[in-house]
């Protein structure tokens, strides 16, 4: 009846069992990936990297798990100067555009929730301007997750308007910029 307009449309079902490599990014659905996703991720190096070494396969909040993986990487690596970290992260961003875009195309799903390479790079970006203490790491993590989930302007615009790997990576890097600004602003307060 007339009250059905509020109900979301059911997502279209994938008709092919094999992932399509020729699907243009703008035509991809947001439907769930194939049932054998875990097998695909662990057999394909592109998916394995895009899914954050498999952390994106976790069933609840994969972006949070990818961000936590970045926190672990940050604490395992020796402290590096910003002049070293930024070029590394720029290269990781460029690689992520290719990796995430290729993974999304192969899955036929634009920005599948399990693709967390973008969260890893973005979280590392926030952490490279954050004091290396547990307290500030928690502040940086929470700030990034809030902006990544809430997607204030222009993050949401980048997420919806820019196709392919660049769109997948850019919205998270914008969330990282917001989070980094919050962390740098909070440094002016006597918190930790």
N, C-alpha and C. Protein backbone atom coordinates (compact mmCIF):
# COMPACT_ATOMS: atom_id res chain seq x y z
N UNK A 1 0.82 -1.18 0.00
CA UNK A 1 0.00 0.00 0.00
C UNK A 1 0.87 1.24 0.00
N UNK A 2 0.24 2.31 0.42
CA UNK A 2 0.91 3.60 0.38
C UNK A 2 1.98 3.76 1.45
N UNK A 3 2.04 2.89 2.45
CA UNK A 3 3.03 2.98 3.51
C UNK A 3 4.28 2.16 3.22
N UNK A 4 4.33 1.49 2.10
CA UNK A 4 5.47 0.65 1.77
C UNK A 4 6.67 1.46 1.28
N UNK A 5 6.51 2.73 0.99
CA UNK A 5 7.60 3.51 0.43
C UNK A 5 8.77 3.67 1.40
N UNK A 6 8.54 3.51 2.67
CA UNK A 6 9.63 3.64 3.65
C UNK A 6 10.50 2.41 3.69
N UNK A 7 10.01 1.29 3.16
CA UNK A 7 10.77 0.03 3.23
C UNK A 7 11.87 0.03 2.19
N UNK A 8 13.07 -0.39 2.60
CA UNK A 8 14.17 -0.45 1.61
C UNK A 8 13.91 -1.55 0.59
N UNK A 9 14.41 -1.32 -0.60
CA UNK A 9 14.29 -2.34 -1.64
C UNK A 9 15.23 -3.48 -1.34
N UNK A 10 14.80 -4.69 -1.64
CA UNK A 10 15.66 -5.86 -1.44
C UNK A 10 16.81 -5.80 -2.44
N UNK A 11 18.02 -6.10 -1.98
CA UNK A 11 19.16 -6.07 -2.90
C UNK A 11 19.05 -7.17 -3.94
N UNK A 12 19.54 -6.87 -5.12
CA UNK A 12 19.54 -7.86 -6.19
C UNK A 12 20.51 -8.99 -5.86
N UNK A 13 20.14 -10.18 -6.20
CA UNK A 13 20.99 -11.35 -5.97
C UNK A 13 22.00 -11.48 -7.09
N UNK A 14 23.19 -11.88 -6.74
CA UNK A 14 24.21 -12.12 -7.76
C UNK A 14 23.83 -13.38 -8.52
N UNK A 15 23.98 -13.33 -9.85
CA UNK A 15 23.58 -14.47 -10.65
C UNK A 15 24.74 -15.39 -10.97
N UNK A 16 25.94 -14.88 -10.94
CA UNK A 16 27.10 -15.71 -11.29
C UNK A 16 27.83 -16.14 -10.02
N UNK A 17 28.39 -17.32 -10.06
CA UNK A 17 29.15 -17.82 -8.91
C UNK A 17 30.55 -17.21 -8.87
N UNK A 18 31.15 -17.01 -10.02
CA UNK A 18 32.50 -16.47 -10.06
C UNK A 18 32.44 -14.95 -10.01
N UNK A 19 33.40 -14.31 -9.34
CA UNK A 19 33.41 -12.85 -9.31
C UNK A 19 33.65 -12.29 -10.71
N UNK A 20 32.99 -11.19 -11.02
CA UNK A 20 33.14 -10.57 -12.33
C UNK A 20 34.25 -9.54 -12.27
N UNK A 21 35.16 -9.62 -13.20
CA UNK A 21 36.28 -8.70 -13.25
C UNK A 21 36.00 -7.50 -14.16
N UNK A 22 34.89 -7.57 -14.90
CA UNK A 22 34.63 -6.53 -15.88
C UNK A 22 33.49 -5.61 -15.49
N UNK A 23 33.05 -5.63 -14.23
CA UNK A 23 31.93 -4.80 -13.80
C UNK A 23 32.43 -3.39 -13.51
N UNK A 24 31.91 -2.37 -14.21
CA UNK A 24 32.32 -1.00 -13.91
C UNK A 24 31.96 -0.63 -12.48
N UNK A 25 32.79 0.18 -11.85
CA UNK A 25 32.60 0.53 -10.44
C UNK A 25 31.24 1.17 -10.20
N UNK A 26 30.75 1.99 -11.11
CA UNK A 26 29.49 2.67 -10.88
C UNK A 26 28.29 1.74 -10.97
N UNK A 27 28.45 0.59 -11.60
CA UNK A 27 27.35 -0.34 -11.75
C UNK A 27 27.34 -1.43 -10.69
N UNK A 28 28.33 -1.44 -9.82
CA UNK A 28 28.40 -2.47 -8.79
C UNK A 28 27.31 -2.26 -7.76
N UNK A 29 26.82 -3.35 -7.21
CA UNK A 29 25.80 -3.26 -6.18
C UNK A 29 26.46 -3.21 -4.82
N UNK A 30 25.65 -2.94 -3.81
CA UNK A 30 26.15 -3.01 -2.44
C UNK A 30 25.71 -4.32 -1.81
N UNK A 31 25.34 -5.28 -2.65
CA UNK A 31 24.93 -6.60 -2.17
C UNK A 31 26.11 -7.30 -1.51
N UNK A 32 25.80 -8.29 -0.73
CA UNK A 32 26.86 -9.03 -0.05
C UNK A 32 27.68 -9.82 -1.06
N UNK A 33 28.94 -10.02 -0.73
CA UNK A 33 29.85 -10.75 -1.60
C UNK A 33 29.50 -12.24 -1.58
N UNK A 34 30.11 -13.02 -2.44
CA UNK A 34 29.81 -14.45 -2.54
C UNK A 34 30.02 -15.21 -1.23
N UNK A 35 29.35 -16.34 -1.14
CA UNK A 35 29.42 -17.17 0.07
C UNK A 35 30.82 -17.68 0.35
N UNK A 36 31.59 -17.90 -0.67
CA UNK A 36 32.94 -18.43 -0.50
C UNK A 36 33.96 -17.31 -0.34
N UNK A 37 33.55 -16.21 0.26
CA UNK A 37 34.39 -15.03 0.38
C UNK A 37 35.70 -15.33 1.11
N UNK A 38 35.63 -16.04 2.22
CA UNK A 38 36.85 -16.33 2.99
C UNK A 38 37.86 -17.09 2.13
N UNK A 39 37.38 -18.04 1.37
CA UNK A 39 38.28 -18.80 0.50
C UNK A 39 38.90 -17.89 -0.55
N UNK A 40 38.09 -17.00 -1.13
CA UNK A 40 38.61 -16.06 -2.12
C UNK A 40 39.66 -15.15 -1.51
N UNK A 41 39.39 -14.64 -0.31
CA UNK A 41 40.31 -13.71 0.33
C UNK A 41 41.65 -14.36 0.59
N UNK A 42 41.64 -15.59 1.08
CA UNK A 42 42.91 -16.23 1.43
C UNK A 42 43.63 -16.82 0.23
N UNK A 43 42.97 -16.95 -0.91
CA UNK A 43 43.62 -17.46 -2.11
C UNK A 43 44.14 -16.37 -3.04
N UNK A 44 43.61 -15.17 -2.89
CA UNK A 44 43.95 -14.08 -3.81
C UNK A 44 44.71 -13.00 -3.04
N UNK A 45 45.97 -12.74 -3.40
CA UNK A 45 46.77 -11.74 -2.66
C UNK A 45 46.13 -10.35 -2.65
N UNK A 46 45.44 -9.99 -3.72
CA UNK A 46 44.79 -8.67 -3.77
C UNK A 46 43.69 -8.60 -2.72
N UNK A 47 42.83 -9.62 -2.66
CA UNK A 47 41.77 -9.64 -1.64
C UNK A 47 42.38 -9.71 -0.24
N UNK A 48 43.42 -10.50 -0.10
CA UNK A 48 44.06 -10.68 1.22
C UNK A 48 44.56 -9.34 1.75
N UNK A 49 45.20 -8.56 0.89
CA UNK A 49 45.66 -7.23 1.29
C UNK A 49 44.48 -6.29 1.52
N UNK A 50 43.53 -6.28 0.59
CA UNK A 50 42.37 -5.38 0.72
C UNK A 50 41.58 -5.68 1.98
N UNK A 51 41.50 -6.94 2.35
CA UNK A 51 40.77 -7.35 3.54
C UNK A 51 41.66 -7.34 4.79
N UNK A 52 42.73 -6.58 4.75
CA UNK A 52 43.57 -6.39 5.92
C UNK A 52 44.11 -7.68 6.49
N UNK A 53 44.74 -8.50 5.63
CA UNK A 53 45.32 -9.79 6.02
C UNK A 53 44.25 -10.72 6.61
N UNK A 54 43.00 -10.50 6.20
CA UNK A 54 41.89 -11.33 6.66
C UNK A 54 41.07 -10.71 7.78
N UNK A 55 41.54 -9.61 8.36
CA UNK A 55 40.79 -8.99 9.47
C UNK A 55 39.43 -8.48 9.03
N UNK A 56 39.28 -8.14 7.78
CA UNK A 56 38.00 -7.68 7.25
C UNK A 56 36.96 -8.76 7.14
N UNK A 57 37.35 -10.00 7.35
CA UNK A 57 36.38 -11.11 7.32
C UNK A 57 35.63 -11.28 8.63
N UNK A 58 36.09 -10.61 9.69
CA UNK A 58 35.41 -10.73 10.97
C UNK A 58 33.98 -10.21 10.80
N UNK A 59 33.00 -10.92 11.39
CA UNK A 59 31.60 -10.66 11.06
C UNK A 59 31.03 -9.34 11.59
N UNK A 60 31.55 -8.81 12.66
CA UNK A 60 31.00 -7.59 13.24
C UNK A 60 32.03 -6.46 13.15
N UNK A 61 31.62 -5.34 12.62
CA UNK A 61 32.45 -4.13 12.53
C UNK A 61 33.84 -4.38 11.95
N UNK A 62 33.94 -4.84 10.70
CA UNK A 62 35.26 -5.11 10.12
C UNK A 62 36.14 -3.88 10.05
N UNK A 63 35.56 -2.70 9.86
CA UNK A 63 36.37 -1.48 9.82
C UNK A 63 37.06 -1.21 11.15
N UNK A 64 36.38 -1.55 12.24
CA UNK A 64 36.98 -1.40 13.56
C UNK A 64 38.14 -2.36 13.72
N UNK A 65 37.98 -3.59 13.23
CA UNK A 65 39.06 -4.58 13.32
C UNK A 65 40.25 -4.16 12.47
N UNK A 66 39.97 -3.62 11.28
CA UNK A 66 41.06 -3.12 10.44
C UNK A 66 41.81 -1.97 11.12
N UNK A 67 41.05 -1.09 11.79
CA UNK A 67 41.68 0.02 12.52
C UNK A 67 42.52 -0.50 13.68
N UNK A 68 42.02 -1.53 14.36
CA UNK A 68 42.80 -2.13 15.46
C UNK A 68 44.06 -2.79 14.94
N UNK A 69 43.99 -3.39 13.75
CA UNK A 69 45.19 -3.97 13.14
C UNK A 69 46.22 -2.86 12.90
N UNK A 70 45.76 -1.70 12.45
CA UNK A 70 46.67 -0.57 12.24
C UNK A 70 47.31 -0.13 13.56
N UNK A 71 46.53 -0.12 14.64
CA UNK A 71 47.09 0.23 15.95
C UNK A 71 48.18 -0.77 16.33
N UNK A 72 47.93 -2.06 16.10
CA UNK A 72 48.94 -3.08 16.38
C UNK A 72 50.19 -2.88 15.55
N UNK A 73 50.03 -2.58 14.27
CA UNK A 73 51.17 -2.33 13.39
C UNK A 73 51.96 -1.12 13.92
N UNK A 74 51.25 -0.07 14.30
CA UNK A 74 51.89 1.14 14.81
C UNK A 74 52.74 0.85 16.04
N UNK A 75 52.23 0.03 16.95
CA UNK A 75 52.96 -0.25 18.18
C UNK A 75 54.08 -1.26 17.99
N UNK A 76 54.00 -2.09 16.95
CA UNK A 76 55.06 -3.06 16.68
C UNK A 76 56.23 -2.40 15.97
N UNK A 77 55.93 -1.46 15.09
CA UNK A 77 57.01 -0.76 14.37
C UNK A 77 57.77 0.16 15.32
N UNK A 78 59.04 0.34 15.06
CA UNK A 78 59.78 1.33 15.87
C UNK A 78 59.26 2.73 15.53
N UNK A 79 59.40 3.66 16.45
CA UNK A 79 58.96 5.03 16.15
C UNK A 79 59.72 5.59 14.94
N UNK A 80 58.97 6.11 14.00
CA UNK A 80 59.56 6.67 12.78
C UNK A 80 59.23 8.16 12.71
N UNK A 81 60.16 8.97 12.21
CA UNK A 81 59.86 10.39 12.08
C UNK A 81 58.76 10.64 11.05
N UNK A 82 58.06 11.74 11.22
CA UNK A 82 56.98 12.11 10.30
C UNK A 82 57.48 12.20 8.86
N UNK A 83 58.73 12.65 8.68
CA UNK A 83 59.31 12.77 7.34
C UNK A 83 59.48 11.42 6.65
N UNK A 84 59.48 10.34 7.41
CA UNK A 84 59.55 8.99 6.85
C UNK A 84 58.14 8.42 6.70
N UNK A 85 57.31 8.60 7.73
CA UNK A 85 55.96 8.02 7.74
C UNK A 85 55.08 8.58 6.63
N UNK A 86 55.10 9.88 6.41
CA UNK A 86 54.20 10.47 5.42
C UNK A 86 54.45 9.95 4.00
N UNK A 87 55.69 9.89 3.52
CA UNK A 87 55.89 9.31 2.18
C UNK A 87 55.47 7.84 2.11
N UNK A 88 55.70 7.10 3.18
CA UNK A 88 55.27 5.70 3.20
C UNK A 88 53.75 5.62 3.11
N UNK A 89 53.05 6.49 3.83
CA UNK A 89 51.59 6.47 3.81
C UNK A 89 51.03 6.97 2.48
N UNK A 90 51.72 7.91 1.84
CA UNK A 90 51.30 8.36 0.50
C UNK A 90 51.42 7.19 -0.48
N UNK A 91 52.52 6.45 -0.39
CA UNK A 91 52.69 5.27 -1.25
C UNK A 91 51.64 4.21 -0.93
N UNK A 92 51.33 4.02 0.36
CA UNK A 92 50.30 3.05 0.75
C UNK A 92 48.93 3.49 0.24
N UNK A 93 48.67 4.80 0.26
CA UNK A 93 47.41 5.32 -0.29
C UNK A 93 47.30 4.99 -1.77
N UNK A 94 48.37 5.27 -2.52
CA UNK A 94 48.36 4.99 -3.96
C UNK A 94 48.18 3.50 -4.22
N UNK A 95 48.91 2.68 -3.48
CA UNK A 95 48.76 1.22 -3.64
C UNK A 95 47.34 0.80 -3.25
N UNK A 96 46.81 1.41 -2.20
CA UNK A 96 45.45 1.08 -1.75
C UNK A 96 44.40 1.40 -2.78
N UNK A 97 44.59 2.48 -3.54
CA UNK A 97 43.63 2.80 -4.61
C UNK A 97 43.55 1.65 -5.61
N UNK A 98 44.70 1.08 -5.93
CA UNK A 98 44.73 -0.04 -6.88
C UNK A 98 44.21 -1.31 -6.22
N UNK A 99 44.70 -1.62 -5.04
CA UNK A 99 44.34 -2.86 -4.35
C UNK A 99 42.84 -2.90 -4.04
N UNK A 100 42.33 -1.84 -3.43
CA UNK A 100 40.92 -1.81 -3.04
C UNK A 100 40.00 -1.76 -4.26
N UNK A 101 40.40 -0.98 -5.26
CA UNK A 101 39.60 -0.92 -6.48
C UNK A 101 39.55 -2.26 -7.19
N UNK A 102 40.67 -2.93 -7.27
CA UNK A 102 40.71 -4.25 -7.92
C UNK A 102 39.89 -5.27 -7.14
N UNK A 103 40.03 -5.27 -5.83
CA UNK A 103 39.27 -6.20 -5.00
C UNK A 103 37.77 -5.95 -5.15
N UNK A 104 37.36 -4.69 -5.11
CA UNK A 104 35.94 -4.36 -5.26
C UNK A 104 35.41 -4.80 -6.62
N UNK A 105 36.18 -4.56 -7.68
CA UNK A 105 35.76 -4.98 -9.02
C UNK A 105 35.62 -6.49 -9.10
N UNK A 106 36.58 -7.21 -8.55
CA UNK A 106 36.52 -8.67 -8.61
C UNK A 106 35.34 -9.22 -7.83
N UNK A 107 35.00 -8.56 -6.72
CA UNK A 107 33.85 -9.00 -5.93
C UNK A 107 32.54 -8.54 -6.53
N UNK A 108 32.58 -7.48 -7.34
CA UNK A 108 31.36 -6.92 -7.89
C UNK A 108 30.59 -6.12 -6.86
N UNK A 109 31.28 -5.65 -5.82
CA UNK A 109 30.65 -4.89 -4.73
C UNK A 109 31.51 -3.67 -4.46
N UNK A 110 30.96 -2.47 -4.67
CA UNK A 110 31.73 -1.27 -4.40
C UNK A 110 31.88 -1.08 -2.89
N UNK A 111 33.10 -0.94 -2.43
CA UNK A 111 33.45 -0.70 -1.03
C UNK A 111 32.79 -1.70 -0.08
N UNK A 112 33.01 -2.96 -0.34
CA UNK A 112 32.55 -4.02 0.55
C UNK A 112 33.06 -3.72 1.96
N UNK A 113 32.24 -3.92 2.96
CA UNK A 113 32.62 -3.62 4.34
C UNK A 113 33.89 -4.32 4.79
N UNK A 114 34.19 -5.46 4.20
CA UNK A 114 35.38 -6.21 4.58
C UNK A 114 36.66 -5.65 4.01
N UNK A 115 36.56 -4.76 3.03
CA UNK A 115 37.76 -4.12 2.50
C UNK A 115 38.20 -3.08 3.52
N UNK A 116 39.28 -3.38 4.24
CA UNK A 116 39.71 -2.53 5.35
C UNK A 116 41.12 -1.96 5.17
N UNK A 117 41.72 -2.17 4.01
CA UNK A 117 43.04 -1.58 3.76
C UNK A 117 42.97 -0.06 3.91
N UNK A 118 41.84 0.51 3.51
CA UNK A 118 41.66 1.96 3.64
C UNK A 118 41.64 2.40 5.10
N UNK A 119 41.01 1.63 5.97
CA UNK A 119 41.02 1.95 7.40
C UNK A 119 42.43 1.83 7.99
N UNK A 120 43.17 0.84 7.53
CA UNK A 120 44.53 0.64 8.04
C UNK A 120 45.41 1.84 7.70
N UNK A 121 45.40 2.25 6.44
CA UNK A 121 46.22 3.39 6.02
C UNK A 121 45.77 4.66 6.74
N UNK A 122 44.47 4.89 6.81
CA UNK A 122 43.96 6.10 7.44
C UNK A 122 44.27 6.14 8.94
N UNK A 123 44.11 5.00 9.62
CA UNK A 123 44.40 4.96 11.06
C UNK A 123 45.89 5.22 11.30
N UNK A 124 46.73 4.67 10.45
CA UNK A 124 48.17 4.94 10.58
C UNK A 124 48.49 6.41 10.35
N UNK A 125 47.74 7.04 9.46
CA UNK A 125 47.92 8.47 9.23
C UNK A 125 47.61 9.26 10.50
N UNK A 126 46.51 8.93 11.18
CA UNK A 126 46.17 9.61 12.43
C UNK A 126 47.26 9.35 13.48
N UNK A 127 47.69 8.10 13.56
CA UNK A 127 48.67 7.75 14.59
C UNK A 127 50.03 8.41 14.37
N UNK A 128 50.37 8.71 13.12
CA UNK A 128 51.69 9.32 12.88
C UNK A 128 51.76 10.76 13.38
N UNK A 129 50.63 11.38 13.70
CA UNK A 129 50.63 12.73 14.28
C UNK A 129 50.13 12.72 15.72
N UNK A 130 50.09 11.52 16.30
CA UNK A 130 49.59 11.33 17.67
C UNK A 130 50.77 10.96 18.58
N UNK A 131 50.82 11.51 19.80
CA UNK A 131 51.87 11.08 20.73
C UNK A 131 51.79 9.57 20.96
N UNK A 132 52.94 8.96 21.05
CA UNK A 132 53.02 7.49 21.16
C UNK A 132 52.83 7.06 22.62
N UNK A 133 51.60 7.21 23.10
CA UNK A 133 51.23 6.75 24.44
C UNK A 133 49.92 5.98 24.32
N UNK A 134 49.65 5.07 25.24
CA UNK A 134 48.37 4.33 25.17
C UNK A 134 47.15 5.25 25.21
N UNK A 135 47.17 6.26 26.06
CA UNK A 135 46.02 7.15 26.17
C UNK A 135 45.72 7.89 24.88
N UNK A 136 46.76 8.47 24.28
CA UNK A 136 46.56 9.19 23.02
C UNK A 136 46.22 8.25 21.87
N UNK A 137 46.71 7.03 21.93
CA UNK A 137 46.34 6.05 20.90
C UNK A 137 44.85 5.75 20.96
N UNK A 138 44.31 5.62 22.17
CA UNK A 138 42.87 5.39 22.33
C UNK A 138 42.08 6.59 21.82
N UNK A 139 42.52 7.80 22.14
CA UNK A 139 41.85 9.01 21.65
C UNK A 139 41.85 9.03 20.12
N UNK A 140 43.00 8.75 19.52
CA UNK A 140 43.12 8.75 18.06
C UNK A 140 42.21 7.68 17.44
N UNK A 141 42.21 6.49 18.03
CA UNK A 141 41.37 5.39 17.53
C UNK A 141 39.89 5.77 17.58
N UNK A 142 39.44 6.27 18.73
CA UNK A 142 38.03 6.62 18.88
C UNK A 142 37.64 7.78 17.96
N UNK A 143 38.50 8.78 17.85
CA UNK A 143 38.20 9.91 16.96
C UNK A 143 38.07 9.43 15.52
N UNK A 144 39.00 8.59 15.10
CA UNK A 144 38.93 8.09 13.71
C UNK A 144 37.68 7.28 13.47
N UNK A 145 37.35 6.39 14.40
CA UNK A 145 36.16 5.55 14.21
C UNK A 145 34.88 6.41 14.15
N UNK A 146 34.81 7.43 15.00
CA UNK A 146 33.62 8.30 14.99
C UNK A 146 33.48 8.98 13.63
N UNK A 147 34.56 9.57 13.12
CA UNK A 147 34.47 10.25 11.83
C UNK A 147 34.29 9.28 10.68
N UNK A 148 34.85 8.09 10.76
CA UNK A 148 34.69 7.10 9.70
C UNK A 148 33.25 6.61 9.63
N UNK A 149 32.61 6.46 10.77
CA UNK A 149 31.22 5.98 10.80
C UNK A 149 30.24 7.11 10.50
N UNK A 150 30.43 8.28 11.13
CA UNK A 150 29.50 9.40 10.97
C UNK A 150 29.59 10.04 9.58
N UNK A 151 30.77 10.05 9.00
CA UNK A 151 31.03 10.60 7.67
C UNK A 151 30.45 12.01 7.48
N UNK A 152 30.94 13.00 8.26
CA UNK A 152 30.49 14.37 8.03
C UNK A 152 31.00 14.89 6.69
N UNK A 153 30.42 16.01 6.23
CA UNK A 153 30.83 16.59 4.97
C UNK A 153 32.31 16.94 5.02
N UNK A 154 33.09 16.70 4.03
CA UNK A 154 32.81 16.15 2.70
C UNK A 154 33.06 14.65 2.60
N UNK A 155 33.19 13.98 3.73
CA UNK A 155 33.51 12.55 3.71
C UNK A 155 32.40 11.76 3.01
N UNK A 156 31.15 12.03 3.37
CA UNK A 156 30.04 11.31 2.75
C UNK A 156 30.00 11.56 1.25
N UNK A 157 30.28 12.80 0.83
CA UNK A 157 30.30 13.11 -0.60
C UNK A 157 31.36 12.29 -1.32
N UNK A 158 32.54 12.21 -0.74
CA UNK A 158 33.61 11.42 -1.36
C UNK A 158 33.22 9.96 -1.43
N UNK A 159 32.57 9.48 -0.37
CA UNK A 159 32.16 8.08 -0.30
C UNK A 159 31.14 7.75 -1.39
N UNK A 160 30.23 8.67 -1.67
CA UNK A 160 29.15 8.39 -2.62
C UNK A 160 29.43 8.82 -4.05
N UNK A 161 30.30 9.80 -4.24
CA UNK A 161 30.47 10.37 -5.58
C UNK A 161 31.72 9.90 -6.32
N UNK A 162 32.71 9.42 -5.59
CA UNK A 162 33.97 9.03 -6.24
C UNK A 162 34.02 7.51 -6.33
N UNK A 163 34.08 7.01 -7.53
CA UNK A 163 34.03 5.57 -7.75
C UNK A 163 35.42 4.93 -7.64
N UNK A 164 35.41 3.63 -7.54
CA UNK A 164 36.64 2.84 -7.60
C UNK A 164 37.50 2.95 -6.35
N UNK A 165 38.74 2.57 -6.52
CA UNK A 165 39.68 2.54 -5.40
C UNK A 165 39.93 3.89 -4.78
N UNK A 166 39.93 4.95 -5.60
CA UNK A 166 40.14 6.29 -5.05
C UNK A 166 39.03 6.66 -4.08
N UNK A 167 37.79 6.37 -4.44
CA UNK A 167 36.67 6.65 -3.54
C UNK A 167 36.73 5.84 -2.26
N UNK A 168 37.14 4.59 -2.38
CA UNK A 168 37.24 3.72 -1.21
C UNK A 168 38.30 4.27 -0.25
N UNK A 169 39.43 4.68 -0.78
CA UNK A 169 40.52 5.18 0.06
C UNK A 169 40.26 6.60 0.57
N UNK A 170 39.71 7.46 -0.27
CA UNK A 170 39.63 8.88 0.05
C UNK A 170 38.72 9.18 1.23
N UNK A 171 37.58 8.51 1.33
CA UNK A 171 36.69 8.84 2.45
C UNK A 171 37.34 8.53 3.79
N UNK A 172 38.14 7.47 3.85
CA UNK A 172 38.80 7.14 5.11
C UNK A 172 39.96 8.10 5.41
N UNK A 173 40.66 8.54 4.39
CA UNK A 173 41.73 9.50 4.61
C UNK A 173 41.15 10.84 5.08
N UNK A 174 40.00 11.23 4.54
CA UNK A 174 39.34 12.45 5.02
C UNK A 174 38.92 12.30 6.48
N UNK A 175 38.40 11.12 6.85
CA UNK A 175 38.07 10.87 8.25
C UNK A 175 39.32 10.95 9.12
N UNK A 176 40.44 10.48 8.59
CA UNK A 176 41.71 10.55 9.33
C UNK A 176 42.15 12.00 9.52
N UNK A 177 41.93 12.84 8.53
CA UNK A 177 42.30 14.26 8.66
C UNK A 177 41.47 14.89 9.79
N UNK A 178 40.17 14.64 9.79
CA UNK A 178 39.33 15.15 10.88
C UNK A 178 39.82 14.64 12.24
N UNK A 179 40.09 13.34 12.32
CA UNK A 179 40.54 12.76 13.59
C UNK A 179 41.87 13.35 14.01
N UNK A 180 42.78 13.55 13.07
CA UNK A 180 44.08 14.13 13.39
C UNK A 180 43.92 15.56 13.91
N UNK A 181 42.99 16.31 13.33
CA UNK A 181 42.73 17.67 13.81
C UNK A 181 42.20 17.65 15.25
N UNK A 182 41.34 16.67 15.54
CA UNK A 182 40.82 16.53 16.91
C UNK A 182 41.95 16.20 17.87
N UNK A 183 42.80 15.25 17.48
CA UNK A 183 43.92 14.86 18.35
C UNK A 183 44.85 16.04 18.56
N UNK A 184 45.21 16.74 17.50
CA UNK A 184 46.13 17.87 17.63
C UNK A 184 45.50 18.98 18.47
N UNK A 185 44.20 19.19 18.33
CA UNK A 185 43.51 20.16 19.17
C UNK A 185 43.46 19.73 20.62
N UNK A 186 43.24 18.44 20.84
CA UNK A 186 43.18 17.91 22.21
C UNK A 186 44.54 17.98 22.89
N UNK A 187 45.60 17.99 22.11
CA UNK A 187 46.94 18.11 22.69
C UNK A 187 47.12 19.43 23.44
N UNK A 188 46.33 20.40 23.09
CA UNK A 188 46.39 21.70 23.78
C UNK A 188 45.78 21.62 25.17
N UNK A 189 45.01 20.56 25.42
CA UNK A 189 44.38 20.37 26.73
C UNK A 189 45.24 19.42 27.56
N UNK A 190 45.27 19.57 28.87
CA UNK A 190 46.07 18.66 29.71
C UNK A 190 45.33 17.35 29.98
N UNK A 191 45.32 16.44 28.98
CA UNK A 191 44.58 15.18 29.13
C UNK A 191 45.46 14.03 29.61
N UNK A 192 46.54 13.75 28.90
CA UNK A 192 47.37 12.59 29.24
C UNK A 192 48.81 13.03 29.39
